[in-house]
Structures are given as C-alpha cells and as structure tokens.
Amino acid sequence: MKKLLAVLALGACAGVASAADVVGNPKAAPAKIEMCIGCHGIPGYKSAFPEVYQVPMIGGQSAKYIEAALHAYKKGDRKHPSMRGIAASLSDQDIADVAAYYSQQTAQNRK
C-alpha cells in the first residue's frame, strides 16, 4: 500500500509544470500587457507612486530577466506596491508570455 501511494504521489508531481517548464508565447501577450504599457510604454515616464522615479523601458530586455523580476514581485522579494499587485494577478504562463513579448522588441524601445 505504501508503494502504491508513493507511485501515485510521484505521478501527480510529474504532471505539474514548474515555472521553468513554461514556454512564453509572444503572440498571446497583447491582451496581457495592457497593465504594462501605461507606464513601461511611455518614453521618459516618471511614476509618482509610491515615490517619483523613472520607469524603465522593458522592450528588448532579456525574457529571463523580466520573468525573474515579475516572479520576485509576485513573491514579495521586490517591494514596489503597483508591480507587486500586477505580478500577483499573473499566472506563470502570463509572465512567460509577457516576457517573451517584451524580449522580442528592439533595445531602442528601452531607455
């Protein structure tokens, strides 16, 4: 009985994809980036919440970097309240799709 339970548990774990297993699809991102473009799509944009700072352009940035940043916001390792709220609403697939989309933009979109 213990062996059967162990086999069932391993089988269940094998069917679960981790964030590292998710492949981003840039074509699935346009409906997902609406929250991003209001800040990250405006050259020279400065945010006033929670403090005034230059919002980075993320077009052309590495997909791995964008994914890591969004996961860090989602876990609370990065503290910006707006980004934390946005990242918390994203699935691992959403994060991968958004990262794939922005990584395919040219670096000139990033200033």
PDB file of N, CA and C in Angstrom:
ATOM      1  N   MET A   1       0.820  -1.186   0.000  1.00  0.00           N
ATOM      2  CA  MET A   1       0.000   0.000   0.000  1.00  0.00           C
ATOM      3  C   MET A   1       0.873   1.263   0.000  1.00  0.00           C
ATOM      4  N   LYS A   2       1.963   1.240   0.793  1.00  0.00           N
ATOM      5  CA  LYS A   2       2.858   2.396   0.843  1.00  0.00           C
ATOM      6  C   LYS A   2       3.509   2.638  -0.511  1.00  0.00           C
ATOM      7  N   LYS A   3       3.860   1.543  -1.203  1.00  0.00           N
ATOM      8  CA  LYS A   3       4.471   1.686  -2.527  1.00  0.00           C
ATOM      9  C   LYS A   3       3.481   2.306  -3.505  1.00  0.00           C
ATOM     10  N   LEU A   4       2.243   1.877  -3.439  1.00  0.00           N
ATOM     11  CA  LEU A   4       1.222   2.405  -4.329  1.00  0.00           C
ATOM     12  C   LEU A   4       1.029   3.908  -4.090  1.00  0.00           C
ATOM     13  N   LEU A   5       0.976   4.319  -2.846  1.00  0.00           N
ATOM     14  CA  LEU A   5       0.828   5.732  -2.528  1.00  0.00           C
ATOM     15  C   LEU A   5       2.028   6.546  -3.011  1.00  0.00           C
ATOM     16  N   ALA A   6       3.216   5.975  -2.853  1.00  0.00           N
ATOM     17  CA  ALA A   6       4.424   6.663  -3.311  1.00  0.00           C
ATOM     18  C   ALA A   6       4.410   6.827  -4.832  1.00  0.00           C
ATOM     19  N   VAL A   7       4.004   5.795  -5.542  1.00  0.00           N
ATOM     20  CA  VAL A   7       3.930   5.852  -7.001  1.00  0.00           C
ATOM     21  C   VAL A   7       2.893   6.873  -7.442  1.00  0.00           C
ATOM     22  N   LEU A   8       1.735   6.889  -6.783  1.00  0.00           N
ATOM     23  CA  LEU A   8       0.696   7.857  -7.119  1.00  0.00           C
ATOM     24  C   LEU A   8       1.169   9.286  -6.849  1.00  0.00           C
ATOM     25  N   ALA A   9       1.862   9.489  -5.747  1.00  0.00           N
ATOM     26  CA  ALA A   9       2.368  10.822  -5.407  1.00  0.00           C
ATOM     27  C   ALA A   9       3.398  11.285  -6.435  1.00  0.00           C
ATOM     28  N   LEU A  10       4.291  10.396  -6.838  1.00  0.00           N
ATOM     29  CA  LEU A  10       5.289  10.757  -7.852  1.00  0.00           C
ATOM     30  C   LEU A  10       4.626  11.063  -9.182  1.00  0.00           C
ATOM     31  N   GLY A  11       3.639  10.291  -9.529  1.00  0.00           N
ATOM     32  CA  GLY A  11       2.922  10.526 -10.783  1.00  0.00           C
ATOM     33  C   GLY A  11       2.212  11.857 -10.785  1.00  0.00           C
ATOM     34  N   ALA A  12       1.627  12.225  -9.665  1.00  0.00           N
ATOM     35  CA  ALA A  12       0.941  13.513  -9.564  1.00  0.00           C
ATOM     36  C   ALA A  12       1.931  14.666  -9.689  1.00  0.00           C
ATOM     37  N   CYS A  13       3.080  14.519  -9.074  1.00  0.00           N
ATOM     38  CA  CYS A  13       4.103  15.570  -9.146  1.00  0.00           C
ATOM     39  C   CYS A  13       4.655  15.706 -10.556  1.00  0.00           C
ATOM     40  N   ALA A  14       4.768  14.615 -11.265  1.00  0.00           N
ATOM     41  CA  ALA A  14       5.325  14.653 -12.612  1.00  0.00           C
ATOM     42  C   ALA A  14       4.411  15.405 -13.568  1.00  0.00           C
ATOM     43  N   GLY A  15       3.111  15.427 -13.281  1.00  0.00           N
ATOM     44  CA  GLY A  15       2.162  16.105 -14.155  1.00  0.00           C
ATOM     45  C   GLY A  15       2.084  17.606 -13.926  1.00  0.00           C
ATOM     46  N   VAL A  16       2.707  18.105 -12.891  1.00  0.00           N
ATOM     47  CA  VAL A  16       2.653  19.527 -12.567  1.00  0.00           C
ATOM     48  C   VAL A  16       3.848  20.233 -13.194  1.00  0.00           C
ATOM     49  N   ALA A  17       3.582  21.252 -13.986  1.00  0.00           N
ATOM     50  CA  ALA A  17       4.665  22.008 -14.619  1.00  0.00           C
ATOM     51  C   ALA A  17       5.160  23.085 -13.666  1.00  0.00           C
ATOM     52  N   SER A  18       6.458  23.266 -13.626  1.00  0.00           N
ATOM     53  CA  SER A  18       7.016  24.348 -12.815  1.00  0.00           C
ATOM     54  C   SER A  18       7.144  25.586 -13.703  1.00  0.00           C
ATOM     55  N   ALA A  19       7.409  26.722 -13.073  1.00  0.00           N
ATOM     56  CA  ALA A  19       7.566  27.964 -13.834  1.00  0.00           C
ATOM     57  C   ALA A  19       8.671  27.827 -14.875  1.00  0.00           C
ATOM     58  N   ALA A  20       9.702  27.036 -14.568  1.00  0.00           N
ATOM     59  CA  ALA A  20      10.813  26.854 -15.501  1.00  0.00           C
ATOM     60  C   ALA A  20      10.388  26.066 -16.744  1.00  0.00           C
ATOM     61  N   ASP A  21       9.302  25.293 -16.641  1.00  0.00           N
ATOM     62  CA  ASP A  21       8.834  24.476 -17.754  1.00  0.00           C
ATOM     63  C   ASP A  21       7.900  25.238 -18.701  1.00  0.00           C
ATOM     64  N   VAL A  22       7.457  26.414 -18.305  1.00  0.00           N
ATOM     65  CA  VAL A  22       6.504  27.189 -19.092  1.00  0.00           C
ATOM     66  C   VAL A  22       7.245  27.912 -20.212  1.00  0.00           C
ATOM     67  N   VAL A  23       6.717  27.810 -21.419  1.00  0.00           N
ATOM     68  CA  VAL A  23       7.323  28.464 -22.581  1.00  0.00           C
ATOM     69  C   VAL A  23       6.465  29.663 -22.954  1.00  0.00           C
ATOM     70  N   GLY A  24       7.104  30.823 -23.047  1.00  0.00           N
ATOM     71  CA  GLY A  24       6.382  32.049 -23.376  1.00  0.00           C
ATOM     72  C   GLY A  24       5.981  32.118 -24.831  1.00  0.00           C
ATOM     73  N   ASN A  25       4.806  32.677 -25.067  1.00  0.00           N
ATOM     74  CA  ASN A  25       4.289  32.857 -26.416  1.00  0.00           C
ATOM     75  C   ASN A  25       4.022  34.353 -26.621  1.00  0.00           C
ATOM     76  N   PRO A  26       4.888  35.052 -27.360  1.00  0.00           N
ATOM     77  CA  PRO A  26       4.706  36.491 -27.537  1.00  0.00           C
ATOM     78  C   PRO A  26       3.390  36.851 -28.221  1.00  0.00           C
ATOM     79  N   LYS A  27       2.846  35.947 -29.018  1.00  0.00           N
ATOM     80  CA  LYS A  27       1.581  36.227 -29.708  1.00  0.00           C
ATOM     81  C   LYS A  27       0.391  36.196 -28.755  1.00  0.00           C
ATOM     82  N   ALA A  28       0.555  35.572 -27.589  1.00  0.00           N
ATOM     83  CA  ALA A  28      -0.508  35.519 -26.590  1.00  0.00           C
ATOM     84  C   ALA A  28      -0.462  36.715 -25.647  1.00  0.00           C
ATOM     85  N   ALA A  29       0.552  37.550 -25.765  1.00  0.00           N
ATOM     86  CA  ALA A  29       0.778  38.631 -24.808  1.00  0.00           C
ATOM     87  C   ALA A  29      -0.048  39.899 -25.016  1.00  0.00           C
ATOM     88  N   PRO A  30      -0.423  40.290 -26.228  1.00  0.00           N
ATOM     89  CA  PRO A  30      -1.078  41.596 -26.374  1.00  0.00           C
ATOM     90  C   PRO A  30      -2.242  41.852 -25.410  1.00  0.00           C
ATOM     91  N   ALA A  31      -3.051  40.886 -25.127  1.00  0.00           N
ATOM     92  CA  ALA A  31      -4.151  41.087 -24.186  1.00  0.00           C
ATOM     93  C   ALA A  31      -3.652  41.141 -22.736  1.00  0.00           C
ATOM     94  N   LYS A  32      -2.429  40.706 -22.509  1.00  0.00           N
ATOM     95  CA  LYS A  32      -1.883  40.636 -21.149  1.00  0.00           C
ATOM     96  C   LYS A  32      -1.023  41.839 -20.783  1.00  0.00           C
ATOM     97  N   ILE A  33      -0.618  42.620 -21.768  1.00  0.00           N
ATOM     98  CA  ILE A  33       0.308  43.720 -21.489  1.00  0.00           C
ATOM     99  C   ILE A  33      -0.388  45.051 -21.259  1.00  0.00           C
ATOM    100  N   GLU A  34      -1.705  45.045 -21.253  1.00  0.00           N
ATOM    101  CA  GLU A  34      -2.433  46.305 -21.068  1.00  0.00           C
ATOM    102  C   GLU A  34      -2.040  47.004 -19.778  1.00  0.00           C
ATOM    103  N   MET A  35      -1.734  46.247 -18.750  1.00  0.00           N
ATOM    104  CA  MET A  35      -1.312  46.833 -17.475  1.00  0.00           C
ATOM    105  C   MET A  35       0.105  47.390 -17.556  1.00  0.00           C
ATOM    106  N   CYS A  36       0.893  46.916 -18.492  1.00  0.00           N
ATOM    107  CA  CYS A  36       2.309  47.298 -18.590  1.00  0.00           C
ATOM    108  C   CYS A  36       2.519  48.586 -19.377  1.00  0.00           C
ATOM    109  N   ILE A  37       1.781  48.724 -20.479  1.00  0.00           N
ATOM    110  CA  ILE A  37       2.075  49.806 -21.412  1.00  0.00           C
ATOM    111  C   ILE A  37       1.795  51.185 -20.845  1.00  0.00           C
ATOM    112  N   GLY A  38       0.920  51.294 -19.854  1.00  0.00           N
ATOM    113  CA  GLY A  38       0.611  52.590 -19.263  1.00  0.00           C
ATOM    114  C   GLY A  38       1.801  53.246 -18.591  1.00  0.00           C
ATOM    115  N   CYS A  39       2.764  52.461 -18.167  1.00  0.00           N
ATOM    116  CA  CYS A  39       3.983  53.005 -17.541  1.00  0.00           C
ATOM    117  C   CYS A  39       5.224  52.676 -18.356  1.00  0.00           C
ATOM    118  N   HIS A  40       5.382  51.410 -18.706  1.00  0.00           N
ATOM    119  CA  HIS A  40       6.606  50.954 -19.370  1.00  0.00           C
ATOM    120  C   HIS A  40       6.627  51.260 -20.866  1.00  0.00           C
ATOM    121  N   GLY A  41       5.521  51.723 -21.425  1.00  0.00           N
ATOM    122  CA  GLY A  41       5.469  52.010 -22.854  1.00  0.00           C
ATOM    123  C   GLY A  41       5.597  53.481 -23.194  1.00  0.00           C
ATOM    124  N   ILE A  42       5.866  54.329 -22.183  1.00  0.00           N
ATOM    125  CA  ILE A  42       5.951  55.770 -22.411  1.00  0.00           C
ATOM    126  C   ILE A  42       7.387  56.227 -22.179  1.00  0.00           C
ATOM    127  N   PRO A  43       8.105  56.593 -23.232  1.00  0.00           N
ATOM    128  CA  PRO A  43       9.494  57.048 -23.049  1.00  0.00           C
ATOM    129  C   PRO A  43       9.566  58.238 -22.083  1.00  0.00           C
ATOM    130  N   GLY A  44      10.464  58.139 -21.121  1.00  0.00           N
ATOM    131  CA  GLY A  44      10.681  59.209 -20.166  1.00  0.00           C
ATOM    132  C   GLY A  44       9.649  59.315 -19.067  1.00  0.00           C
ATOM    133  N   TYR A  45       8.743  58.336 -18.969  1.00  0.00           N
ATOM    134  CA  TYR A  45       7.672  58.397 -17.983  1.00  0.00           C
ATOM    135  C   TYR A  45       8.227  58.282 -16.566  1.00  0.00           C
ATOM    136  N   LYS A  46       7.675  59.091 -15.685  1.00  0.00           N
ATOM    137  CA  LYS A  46       8.030  59.034 -14.269  1.00  0.00           C
ATOM    138  C   LYS A  46       6.777  58.718 -13.475  1.00  0.00           C
ATOM    139  N   SER A  47       6.902  57.812 -12.549  1.00  0.00           N
ATOM    140  CA  SER A  47       5.802  57.424 -11.686  1.00  0.00           C
ATOM    141  C   SER A  47       5.843  58.262 -10.421  1.00  0.00           C
ATOM    142  N   ALA A  48       4.703  58.521  -9.855  1.00  0.00           N
ATOM    143  CA  ALA A  48       4.646  59.298  -8.622  1.00  0.00           C
ATOM    144  C   ALA A  48       4.194  58.450  -7.442  1.00  0.00           C
ATOM    145  N   PHE A  49       4.077  57.145  -7.617  1.00  0.00           N
ATOM    146  CA  PHE A  49       3.658  56.278  -6.525  1.00  0.00           C
ATOM    147  C   PHE A  49       4.557  55.074  -6.445  1.00  0.00           C
ATOM    148  N   PRO A  50       5.077  54.715  -5.349  1.00  0.00           N
ATOM    149  CA  PRO A  50       4.982  55.381  -4.047  1.00  0.00           C
ATOM    150  C   PRO A  50       5.928  56.573  -3.918  1.00  0.00           C
ATOM    151  N   GLU A  51       6.801  56.760  -4.879  1.00  0.00           N
ATOM    152  CA  GLU A  51       7.697  57.915  -4.905  1.00  0.00           C
ATOM    153  C   GLU A  51       7.989  58.231  -6.368  1.00  0.00           C
ATOM    154  N   VAL A  52       8.520  59.383  -6.648  1.00  0.00           N
ATOM    155  CA  VAL A  52       8.827  59.755  -8.035  1.00  0.00           C
ATOM    156  C   VAL A  52      10.108  59.045  -8.474  1.00  0.00           C
ATOM    157  N   TYR A  53      10.029  58.341  -9.573  1.00  0.00           N
ATOM    158  CA  TYR A  53      11.193  57.672 -10.137  1.00  0.00           C
ATOM    159  C   TYR A  53      10.956  57.422 -11.618  1.00  0.00           C
ATOM    160  N   GLN A  54      12.027  57.259 -12.350  1.00  0.00           N
ATOM    161  CA  GLN A  54      11.984  56.977 -13.786  1.00  0.00           C
ATOM    162  C   GLN A  54      11.549  55.527 -13.996  1.00  0.00           C
ATOM    163  N   VAL A  55      10.499  55.322 -14.754  1.00  0.00           N
ATOM    164  CA  VAL A  55      10.020  53.969 -15.053  1.00  0.00           C
ATOM    165  C   VAL A  55      10.875  53.405 -16.181  1.00  0.00           C
ATOM    166  N   PRO A  56      11.451  52.222 -15.995  1.00  0.00           N
ATOM    167  CA  PRO A  56      12.312  51.661 -17.050  1.00  0.00           C
ATOM    168  C   PRO A  56      11.511  51.175 -18.258  1.00  0.00           C
ATOM    169  N   MET A  57      12.080  51.365 -19.419  1.00  0.00           N
ATOM    170  CA  MET A  57      11.532  50.774 -20.633  1.00  0.00           C
ATOM    171  C   MET A  57      12.007  49.319 -20.644  1.00  0.00           C
ATOM    172  N   ILE A  58      11.117  48.398 -20.907  1.00  0.00           N
ATOM    173  CA  ILE A  58      11.497  46.983 -20.820  1.00  0.00           C
ATOM    174  C   ILE A  58      11.580  46.303 -22.184  1.00  0.00           C
ATOM    175  N   GLY A  59      11.258  47.017 -23.249  1.00  0.00           N
ATOM    176  CA  GLY A  59      11.381  46.455 -24.587  1.00  0.00           C
ATOM    177  C   GLY A  59      12.830  46.109 -24.895  1.00  0.00           C
ATOM    178  N   GLY A  60      13.074  44.886 -25.332  1.00  0.00           N
ATOM    179  CA  GLY A  60      14.423  44.439 -25.656  1.00  0.00           C
ATOM    180  C   GLY A  60      15.170  43.845 -24.480  1.00  0.00           C
ATOM    181  N   GLN A  61      14.563  43.897 -23.312  1.00  0.00           N
ATOM    182  CA  GLN A  61      15.185  43.301 -22.132  1.00  0.00           C
ATOM    183  C   GLN A  61      15.119  41.766 -22.236  1.00  0.00           C
ATOM    184  N   SER A  62      16.002  41.082 -21.592  1.00  0.00           N
ATOM    185  CA  SER A  62      16.030  39.624 -21.599  1.00  0.00           C
ATOM    186  C   SER A  62      14.742  39.045 -21.003  1.00  0.00           C
ATOM    187  N   ALA A  63      14.197  38.033 -21.671  1.00  0.00           N
ATOM    188  CA  ALA A  63      12.989  37.373 -21.164  1.00  0.00           C
ATOM    189  C   ALA A  63      13.239  36.783 -19.775  1.00  0.00           C
ATOM    190  N   LYS A  64      14.410  36.197 -19.571  1.00  0.00           N
ATOM    191  CA  LYS A  64      14.725  35.603 -18.265  1.00  0.00           C
ATOM    192  C   LYS A  64      14.734  36.672 -17.175  1.00  0.00           C
ATOM    193  N   TYR A  65      15.275  37.847 -17.490  1.00  0.00           N
ATOM    194  CA  TYR A  65      15.301  38.938 -16.522  1.00  0.00           C
ATOM    195  C   TYR A  65      13.876  39.391 -16.174  1.00  0.00           C
ATOM    196  N   ILE A  66      13.045  39.580 -17.199  1.00  0.00           N
ATOM    197  CA  ILE A  66      11.667  40.028 -16.971  1.00  0.00           C
ATOM    198  C   ILE A  66      10.903  38.992 -16.153  1.00  0.00           C
ATOM    199  N   GLU A  67      11.052  37.722 -16.513  1.00  0.00           N
ATOM    200  CA  GLU A  67      10.382  36.665 -15.750  1.00  0.00           C
ATOM    201  C   GLU A  67      10.840  36.667 -14.303  1.00  0.00           C
ATOM    202  N   ALA A  68      12.151  36.754 -14.082  1.00  0.00           N
ATOM    203  CA  ALA A  68      12.685  36.744 -12.713  1.00  0.00           C
ATOM    204  C   ALA A  68      12.162  37.937 -11.925  1.00  0.00           C
ATOM    205  N   ALA A  69      12.114  39.101 -12.566  1.00  0.00           N
ATOM    206  CA  ALA A  69      11.622  40.299 -11.876  1.00  0.00           C
ATOM    207  C   ALA A  69      10.150  40.146 -11.506  1.00  0.00           C
ATOM    208  N   LEU A  70       9.330  39.669 -12.441  1.00  0.00           N
ATOM    209  CA  LEU A  70       7.902  39.511 -12.158  1.00  0.00           C
ATOM    210  C   LEU A  70       7.653  38.470 -11.074  1.00  0.00           C
ATOM    211  N   HIS A  71       8.410  37.378 -11.104  1.00  0.00           N
ATOM    212  CA  HIS A  71       8.263  36.368 -10.046  1.00  0.00           C
ATOM    213  C   HIS A  71       8.708  36.929  -8.698  1.00  0.00           C
ATOM    214  N   ALA A  72       9.746  37.771  -8.695  1.00  0.00           N
ATOM    215  CA  ALA A  72      10.206  38.383  -7.444  1.00  0.00           C
ATOM    216  C   ALA A  72       9.154  39.344  -6.893  1.00  0.00           C
ATOM    217  N   TYR A  73       8.494  40.114  -7.767  1.00  0.00           N
ATOM    218  CA  TYR A  73       7.402  40.969  -7.310  1.00  0.00           C
ATOM    219  C   TYR A  73       6.255  40.119  -6.765  1.00  0.00           C
ATOM    220  N   LYS A  74       5.940  39.049  -7.467  1.00  0.00           N
ATOM    221  CA  LYS A  74       4.828  38.177  -7.066  1.00  0.00           C
ATOM    222  C   LYS A  74       5.077  37.558  -5.691  1.00  0.00           C
ATOM    223  N   LYS A  75       6.320  37.162  -5.429  1.00  0.00           N
ATOM    224  CA  LYS A  75       6.672  36.559  -4.130  1.00  0.00           C
ATOM    225  C   LYS A  75       6.865  37.600  -3.033  1.00  0.00           C
ATOM    226  N   GLY A  76       7.004  38.862  -3.412  1.00  0.00           N
ATOM    227  CA  GLY A  76       7.238  39.902  -2.424  1.00  0.00           C
ATOM    228  C   GLY A  76       8.702  40.203  -2.192  1.00  0.00           C
ATOM    229  N   ASP A  77       9.597  39.584  -2.974  1.00  0.00           N
ATOM    230  CA  ASP A  77      11.033  39.860  -2.848  1.00  0.00           C
ATOM    231  C   ASP A  77      11.371  41.258  -3.363  1.00  0.00           C
ATOM    232  N   ARG A  78      10.605  41.749  -4.332  1.00  0.00           N
ATOM    233  CA  ARG A  78      10.696  43.136  -4.783  1.00  0.00           C
ATOM    234  C   ARG A  78       9.457  43.835  -4.227  1.00  0.00           C
ATOM    235  N   LYS A  79       9.622  45.061  -3.786  1.00  0.00           N
ATOM    236  CA  LYS A  79       8.600  45.675  -2.952  1.00  0.00           C
ATOM    237  C   LYS A  79       7.692  46.717  -3.593  1.00  0.00           C
ATOM    238  N   HIS A  80       7.867  47.104  -4.842  1.00  0.00           N
ATOM    239  CA  HIS A  80       7.030  48.153  -5.415  1.00  0.00           C
ATOM    240  C   HIS A  80       5.556  47.732  -5.368  1.00  0.00           C
ATOM    241  N   PRO A  81       4.683  48.504  -4.691  1.00  0.00           N
ATOM    242  CA  PRO A  81       3.294  48.074  -4.493  1.00  0.00           C
ATOM    243  C   PRO A  81       2.507  47.859  -5.782  1.00  0.00           C
ATOM    244  N   SER A  82       2.656  48.741  -6.757  1.00  0.00           N
ATOM    245  CA  SER A  82       1.906  48.571  -8.012  1.00  0.00           C
ATOM    246  C   SER A  82       2.362  47.329  -8.758  1.00  0.00           C
ATOM    247  N   MET A  83       3.674  47.160  -8.876  1.00  0.00           N
ATOM    248  CA  MET A  83       4.207  45.990  -9.573  1.00  0.00           C
ATOM    249  C   MET A  83       3.866  44.708  -8.829  1.00  0.00           C
ATOM    250  N   ARG A  84       3.879  44.769  -7.531  1.00  0.00           N
ATOM    251  CA  ARG A  84       3.547  43.584  -6.736  1.00  0.00           C
ATOM    252  C   ARG A  84       2.100  43.161  -6.986  1.00  0.00           C
ATOM    253  N   GLY A  85       1.188  44.136  -7.023  1.00  0.00           N
ATOM    254  CA  GLY A  85      -0.213  43.830  -7.292  1.00  0.00           C
ATOM    255  C   GLY A  85      -0.436  43.274  -8.687  1.00  0.00           C
ATOM    256  N   ILE A  86       0.245  43.856  -9.658  1.00  0.00           N
ATOM    257  CA  ILE A  86       0.115  43.383 -11.037  1.00  0.00           C
ATOM    258  C   ILE A  86       0.679  41.973 -11.173  1.00  0.00           C
ATOM    259  N   ALA A  87       1.879  41.760 -10.652  1.00  0.00           N
ATOM    260  CA  ALA A  87       2.510  40.437 -10.765  1.00  0.00           C
ATOM    261  C   ALA A  87       1.688  39.368 -10.054  1.00  0.00           C
ATOM    262  N   ALA A  88       1.071  39.721  -8.940  1.00  0.00           N
ATOM    263  CA  ALA A  88       0.260  38.755  -8.198  1.00  0.00           C
ATOM    264  C   ALA A  88      -0.938  38.274  -9.019  1.00  0.00           C
ATOM    265  N   SER A  89      -1.381  39.100  -9.966  1.00  0.00           N
ATOM    266  CA  SER A  89      -2.537  38.724 -10.783  1.00  0.00           C
ATOM    267  C   SER A  89      -2.156  37.863 -11.984  1.00  0.00           C
ATOM    268  N   LEU A  90      -0.864  37.674 -12.219  1.00  0.00           N
ATOM    269  CA  LEU A  90      -0.391  36.939 -13.392  1.00  0.00           C
ATOM    270  C   LEU A  90      -0.081  35.476 -13.074  1.00  0.00           C
ATOM    271  N   SER A  91      -0.465  34.599 -13.974  1.00  0.00           N
ATOM    272  CA  SER A  91      -0.076  33.188 -13.861  1.00  0.00           C
ATOM    273  C   SER A  91       1.352  33.040 -14.371  1.00  0.00           C
ATOM    274  N   ASP A  92       1.941  31.882 -14.154  1.00  0.00           N
ATOM    275  CA  ASP A  92       3.282  31.620 -14.693  1.00  0.00           C
ATOM    276  C   ASP A  92       3.278  31.733 -16.214  1.00  0.00           C
ATOM    277  N   GLN A  93       2.196  31.278 -16.853  1.00  0.00           N
ATOM    278  CA  GLN A  93       2.094  31.373 -18.313  1.00  0.00           C
ATOM    279  C   GLN A  93       2.003  32.833 -18.745  1.00  0.00           C
ATOM    280  N   ASP A  94       1.217  33.641 -18.023  1.00  0.00           N
ATOM    281  CA  ASP A  94       1.115  35.065 -18.337  1.00  0.00           C
ATOM    282  C   ASP A  94       2.493  35.729 -18.270  1.00  0.00           C
ATOM    283  N   ILE A  95       3.227  35.442 -17.204  1.00  0.00           N
ATOM    284  CA  ILE A  95       4.557  36.019 -17.011  1.00  0.00           C
ATOM    285  C   ILE A  95       5.479  35.626 -18.162  1.00  0.00           C
ATOM    286  N   ALA A  96       5.455  34.360 -18.539  1.00  0.00           N
ATOM    287  CA  ALA A  96       6.302  33.892 -19.648  1.00  0.00           C
ATOM    288  C   ALA A  96       5.912  34.563 -20.959  1.00  0.00           C
ATOM    289  N   ASP A  97       4.620  34.729 -21.196  1.00  0.00           N
ATOM    290  CA  ASP A  97       4.151  35.361 -22.436  1.00  0.00           C
ATOM    291  C   ASP A  97       4.564  36.835 -22.491  1.00  0.00           C
ATOM    292  N   VAL A  98       4.378  37.553 -21.395  1.00  0.00           N
ATOM    293  CA  VAL A  98       4.753  38.974 -21.337  1.00  0.00           C
ATOM    294  C   VAL A  98       6.261  39.124 -21.530  1.00  0.00           C
ATOM    295  N   ALA A  99       7.031  38.275 -20.881  1.00  0.00           N
ATOM    296  CA  ALA A  99       8.492  38.330 -21.004  1.00  0.00           C
ATOM    297  C   ALA A  99       8.923  38.043 -22.442  1.00  0.00           C
ATOM    298  N   ALA A 100       8.307  37.054 -23.071  1.00  0.00           N
ATOM    299  CA  ALA A 100       8.637  36.729 -24.464  1.00  0.00           C
ATOM    300  C   ALA A 100       8.302  37.901 -25.380  1.00  0.00           C
ATOM    301  N   TYR A 101       7.178  38.531 -25.154  1.00  0.00           N
ATOM    302  CA  TYR A 101       6.756  39.674 -25.966  1.00  0.00           C
ATOM    303  C   TYR A 101       7.760  40.819 -25.866  1.00  0.00           C
ATOM    304  N   TYR A 102       8.066  41.235 -24.647  1.00  0.00           N
ATOM    305  CA  TYR A 102       8.969  42.380 -24.486  1.00  0.00           C
ATOM    306  C   TYR A 102      10.399  42.061 -24.902  1.00  0.00           C
ATOM    307  N   SER A 103      10.829  40.831 -24.753  1.00  0.00           N
ATOM    308  CA  SER A 103      12.197  40.482 -25.144  1.00  0.00           C
ATOM    309  C   SER A 103      12.397  40.549 -26.651  1.00  0.00           C
ATOM    310  N   GLN A 104      11.324  40.424 -27.417  1.00  0.00           N
ATOM    311  CA  GLN A 104      11.423  40.465 -28.875  1.00  0.00           C
ATOM    312  C   GLN A 104      11.400  41.882 -29.436  1.00  0.00           C
ATOM    313  N   GLN A 105      11.113  42.864 -28.582  1.00  0.00           N
ATOM    314  CA  GLN A 105      11.165  44.245 -29.046  1.00  0.00           C
ATOM    315  C   GLN A 105      12.608  44.663 -29.195  1.00  0.00           C
ATOM    316  N   THR A 106      12.833  45.718 -29.946  1.00  0.00           N
ATOM    317  CA  THR A 106      14.212  46.199 -30.118  1.00  0.00           C
ATOM    318  C   THR A 106      14.682  46.926 -28.877  1.00  0.00           C
ATOM    319  N   ALA A 107      15.957  46.908 -28.658  1.00  0.00           N
ATOM    320  CA  ALA A 107      16.550  47.560 -27.495  1.00  0.00           C
ATOM    321  C   ALA A 107      16.332  49.069 -27.526  1.00  0.00           C
ATOM    322  N   GLN A 108      16.082  49.665 -28.695  1.00  0.00           N
ATOM    323  CA  GLN A 108      15.856  51.104 -28.741  1.00  0.00           C
ATOM    324  C   GLN A 108      14.551  51.477 -28.038  1.00  0.00           C
ATOM    325  N   ASN A 109      13.653  50.502 -27.827  1.00  0.00           N
ATOM    326  CA  ASN A 109      12.430  50.756 -27.063  1.00  0.00           C
ATOM    327  C   ASN A 109      12.719  50.877 -25.580  1.00  0.00           C
ATOM    328  N   ARG A 110      13.926  50.511 -25.176  1.00  0.00           N
ATOM    329  CA  ARG A 110      14.311  50.536 -23.758  1.00  0.00           C
ATOM    330  C   ARG A 110      15.249  51.715 -23.534  1.00  0.00           C
ATOM    331  N   LYS A 111      14.855  52.631 -22.684  1.00  0.00           N
ATOM    332  CA  LYS A 111      15.704  53.794 -22.400  1.00  0.00           C
ATOM    333  C   LYS A 111      15.773  54.025 -20.925  1.00  0.00           C
TER     334      LYS A 111
END
